[in-house]
Amino acid sequence: MTKTERLKAHHLNLCRFLRDSWEERFCHNMAWCAEHAASKPLTPRQKYALDMVVYRFRRQLAGRLPDELMLDTLPIKSDYGVQEKVETVNDLFTGEASPPHPTETGPADRGPQSKLI
């Protein structure tokens, strides 16, 4: 973790959260990592989540966190190298999408309800 990430994690640990929320667990986990495993770098998803939580709790952090570490805009996943949607490959050998199932002819012909309109 970098010095700024450790500082963000420490100050986020002092915020108030909803009980048993993912933000609470994530911030307590990041604070523990900042204290005990500071040499271990964060993954891109962890960096994005840390900045997302800093943005979300910016009002509670306004008096604690230095102004240069505060975020004014919502973080974007692509800036951190995190993909928006994970693409899966259907055919493991060729990498191409597999053909549709024989019973699927198109989106309009699905089920008996499509013929009522």
C-alpha atoms as a PDB file:
ATOM      1  CA  MET A   1       0.000   0.000   0.000  1.00  0.00           C
ATOM      2  CA  THR A   2       1.143   3.488  -0.710  1.00  0.00           C
ATOM      3  CA  LYS A   3       1.239   6.191   1.925  1.00  0.00           C
ATOM      4  CA  THR A   4      -1.918   7.864   0.585  1.00  0.00           C
ATOM      5  CA  GLU A   5      -3.804   4.549   0.551  1.00  0.00           C
ATOM      6  CA  ARG A   6      -2.788   3.871   4.157  1.00  0.00           C
ATOM      7  CA  LEU A   7      -3.908   7.363   5.147  1.00  0.00           C
ATOM      8  CA  LYS A   8      -7.289   6.894   3.414  1.00  0.00           C
ATOM      9  CA  ALA A   9      -7.765   3.488   5.057  1.00  0.00           C
ATOM     10  CA  HIS A  10      -6.921   4.854   8.502  1.00  0.00           C
ATOM     11  CA  HIS A  11      -9.346   7.769   8.238  1.00  0.00           C
ATOM     12  CA  LEU A  12     -12.110   5.628   6.760  1.00  0.00           C
ATOM     13  CA  ASN A  13     -11.849   3.338   9.770  1.00  0.00           C
ATOM     14  CA  LEU A  14     -13.000   6.273  11.932  1.00  0.00           C
ATOM     15  CA  CYS A  15     -16.232   6.831   9.938  1.00  0.00           C
ATOM     16  CA  ARG A  16     -19.669   5.589  10.950  1.00  0.00           C
ATOM     17  CA  PHE A  17     -21.249   2.927   8.755  1.00  0.00           C
ATOM     18  CA  LEU A  18     -24.453   0.983   8.512  1.00  0.00           C
ATOM     19  CA  ARG A  19     -24.198  -2.043  10.728  1.00  0.00           C
ATOM     20  CA  ASP A  20     -22.777  -5.119   8.940  1.00  0.00           C
ATOM     21  CA  SER A  21     -22.519  -3.337   5.583  1.00  0.00           C
ATOM     22  CA  TRP A  22     -19.897  -4.197   2.996  1.00  0.00           C
ATOM     23  CA  GLU A  23     -18.360  -0.734   3.420  1.00  0.00           C
ATOM     24  CA  GLU A  24     -17.804  -1.370   7.117  1.00  0.00           C
ATOM     25  CA  ARG A  25     -16.163  -4.751   6.492  1.00  0.00           C
ATOM     26  CA  PHE A  26     -14.078  -3.375   3.623  1.00  0.00           C
ATOM     27  CA  CYS A  27     -12.834  -0.353   5.582  1.00  0.00           C
ATOM     28  CA  HIS A  28     -11.960  -2.397   8.651  1.00  0.00           C
ATOM     29  CA  ASN A  29     -10.141  -4.866   6.413  1.00  0.00           C
ATOM     30  CA  MET A  30      -8.222  -2.058   4.660  1.00  0.00           C
ATOM     31  CA  ALA A  31      -7.285  -0.506   8.014  1.00  0.00           C
ATOM     32  CA  TRP A  32      -5.986  -3.873   9.221  1.00  0.00           C
ATOM     33  CA  CYS A  33      -3.975  -4.284   6.005  1.00  0.00           C
ATOM     34  CA  ALA A  34      -2.561  -0.775   6.371  1.00  0.00           C
ATOM     35  CA  GLU A  35      -1.389  -1.600   9.869  1.00  0.00           C
ATOM     36  CA  HIS A  36      -0.165  -5.182   9.507  1.00  0.00           C
ATOM     37  CA  ALA A  37       0.516  -5.766   5.794  1.00  0.00           C
ATOM     38  CA  ALA A  38       1.570  -2.347   4.544  1.00  0.00           C
ATOM     39  CA  SER A  39       4.129  -3.730   2.083  1.00  0.00           C
ATOM     40  CA  LYS A  40       1.504  -5.711   0.159  1.00  0.00           C
ATOM     41  CA  PRO A  41       0.201  -3.699  -2.853  1.00  0.00           C
ATOM     42  CA  LEU A  42      -3.514  -3.314  -3.499  1.00  0.00           C
ATOM     43  CA  THR A  43      -5.199  -4.846  -6.520  1.00  0.00           C
ATOM     44  CA  PRO A  44      -6.864  -2.508  -9.047  1.00  0.00           C
ATOM     45  CA  ARG A  45     -10.307  -3.509  -7.746  1.00  0.00           C
ATOM     46  CA  GLN A  46      -9.253  -2.705  -4.164  1.00  0.00           C
ATOM     47  CA  LYS A  47      -7.906   0.686  -5.260  1.00  0.00           C
ATOM     48  CA  TYR A  48     -11.172   1.438  -7.035  1.00  0.00           C
ATOM     49  CA  ALA A  49     -13.262   0.299  -4.056  1.00  0.00           C
ATOM     50  CA  LEU A  50     -11.130   2.370  -1.658  1.00  0.00           C
ATOM     51  CA  ASP A  51     -11.619   5.514  -3.720  1.00  0.00           C
ATOM     52  CA  MET A  52     -15.315   4.723  -4.161  1.00  0.00           C
ATOM     53  CA  VAL A  53     -15.779   4.515  -0.386  1.00  0.00           C
ATOM     54  CA  VAL A  54     -13.750   7.713   0.090  1.00  0.00           C
ATOM     55  CA  TYR A  55     -16.081   9.433  -2.372  1.00  0.00           C
ATOM     56  CA  ARG A  56     -19.165   7.970  -0.715  1.00  0.00           C
ATOM     57  CA  PHE A  57     -18.152   9.069   2.797  1.00  0.00           C
ATOM     58  CA  ARG A  58     -16.593  12.387   1.750  1.00  0.00           C
ATOM     59  CA  ARG A  59     -18.775  14.394   4.132  1.00  0.00           C
ATOM     60  CA  GLN A  60     -17.566  12.475   7.167  1.00  0.00           C
ATOM     61  CA  LEU A  61     -13.963  12.696   5.940  1.00  0.00           C
ATOM     62  CA  ALA A  62     -14.081  16.436   5.200  1.00  0.00           C
ATOM     63  CA  GLY A  63     -12.585  17.481   8.526  1.00  0.00           C
ATOM     64  CA  ARG A  64     -10.109  14.601   8.830  1.00  0.00           C
ATOM     65  CA  LEU A  65      -8.600  13.785   5.442  1.00  0.00           C
ATOM     66  CA  PRO A  66      -6.289  16.331   3.761  1.00  0.00           C
ATOM     67  CA  ASP A  67      -7.895  18.264   0.891  1.00  0.00           C
ATOM     68  CA  GLU A  68      -5.537  16.843  -1.750  1.00  0.00           C
ATOM     69  CA  LEU A  69      -6.760  13.297  -0.983  1.00  0.00           C
ATOM     70  CA  MET A  70     -10.466  14.155  -1.153  1.00  0.00           C
ATOM     71  CA  LEU A  71     -12.340  13.120  -4.295  1.00  0.00           C
ATOM     72  CA  ASP A  72     -14.716  15.601  -5.924  1.00  0.00           C
ATOM     73  CA  THR A  73     -15.958  13.294  -8.686  1.00  0.00           C
ATOM     74  CA  LEU A  74     -17.111   9.715  -8.772  1.00  0.00           C
ATOM     75  CA  PRO A  75     -14.248   7.325  -9.641  1.00  0.00           C
ATOM     76  CA  ILE A  76     -14.482   5.513 -12.979  1.00  0.00           C
ATOM     77  CA  LYS A  77     -13.630   1.810 -13.117  1.00  0.00           C
ATOM     78  CA  SER A  78     -11.726   2.055 -16.393  1.00  0.00           C
ATOM     79  CA  ASP A  79      -9.255   4.530 -14.845  1.00  0.00           C
ATOM     80  CA  TYR A  80      -8.174   1.786 -12.437  1.00  0.00           C
ATOM     81  CA  GLY A  81      -7.923  -0.950 -15.070  1.00  0.00           C
ATOM     82  CA  VAL A  82     -11.122  -2.657 -13.915  1.00  0.00           C
ATOM     83  CA  GLN A  83     -13.416  -3.874 -16.670  1.00  0.00           C
ATOM     84  CA  GLU A  84     -17.082  -2.914 -16.524  1.00  0.00           C
ATOM     85  CA  LYS A  85     -18.338  -6.257 -17.765  1.00  0.00           C
ATOM     86  CA  VAL A  86     -16.446  -9.525 -17.793  1.00  0.00           C
ATOM     87  CA  GLU A  87     -16.713 -11.185 -21.174  1.00  0.00           C
ATOM     88  CA  THR A  88     -16.937 -14.949 -21.210  1.00  0.00           C
ATOM     89  CA  VAL A  89     -15.882 -17.235 -24.013  1.00  0.00           C
ATOM     90  CA  ASN A  90     -18.380 -19.943 -24.854  1.00  0.00           C
ATOM     91  CA  ASP A  91     -16.149 -22.190 -26.933  1.00  0.00           C
ATOM     92  CA  LEU A  92     -12.894 -22.991 -25.155  1.00  0.00           C
ATOM     93  CA  PHE A  93     -11.089 -24.227 -28.255  1.00  0.00           C
ATOM     94  CA  THR A  94     -11.846 -21.594 -30.901  1.00  0.00           C
ATOM     95  CA  GLY A  95     -12.753 -18.632 -28.687  1.00  0.00           C
ATOM     96  CA  GLU A  96     -15.898 -17.953 -30.711  1.00  0.00           C
ATOM     97  CA  ALA A  97     -19.436 -17.813 -29.411  1.00  0.00           C
ATOM     98  CA  SER A  98     -21.314 -21.077 -29.685  1.00  0.00           C
ATOM     99  CA  PRO A  99     -24.353 -21.250 -32.000  1.00  0.00           C
ATOM    100  CA  PRO A 100     -27.803 -20.741 -30.447  1.00  0.00           C
ATOM    101  CA  HIS A 101     -29.736 -23.682 -29.111  1.00  0.00           C
ATOM    102  CA  PRO A 102     -32.094 -25.240 -31.699  1.00  0.00           C
ATOM    103  CA  THR A 103     -35.173 -24.284 -29.679  1.00  0.00           C
ATOM    104  CA  GLU A 104     -34.182 -20.604 -29.638  1.00  0.00           C
ATOM    105  CA  THR A 105     -35.188 -18.873 -32.852  1.00  0.00           C
ATOM    106  CA  GLY A 106     -35.125 -15.289 -31.694  1.00  0.00           C
ATOM    107  CA  PRO A 107     -36.082 -12.903 -28.889  1.00  0.00           C
ATOM    108  CA  ALA A 108     -39.642 -12.435 -30.228  1.00  0.00           C
ATOM    109  CA  ASP A 109     -40.508 -16.156 -30.333  1.00  0.00           C
ATOM    110  CA  ARG A 110     -39.926 -17.038 -26.686  1.00  0.00           C
ATOM    111  CA  GLY A 111     -42.744 -18.763 -24.906  1.00  0.00           C
ATOM    112  CA  PRO A 112     -46.467 -18.853 -25.483  1.00  0.00           C
ATOM    113  CA  GLN A 113     -46.986 -15.280 -24.270  1.00  0.00           C
ATOM    114  CA  SER A 114     -45.267 -13.809 -27.343  1.00  0.00           C
ATOM    115  CA  LYS A 115     -48.123 -14.998 -29.633  1.00  0.00           C
ATOM    116  CA  LEU A 116     -50.836 -13.216 -27.636  1.00  0.00           C
ATOM    117  CA  ILE A 117     -49.898  -9.737 -28.808  1.00  0.00           C
END
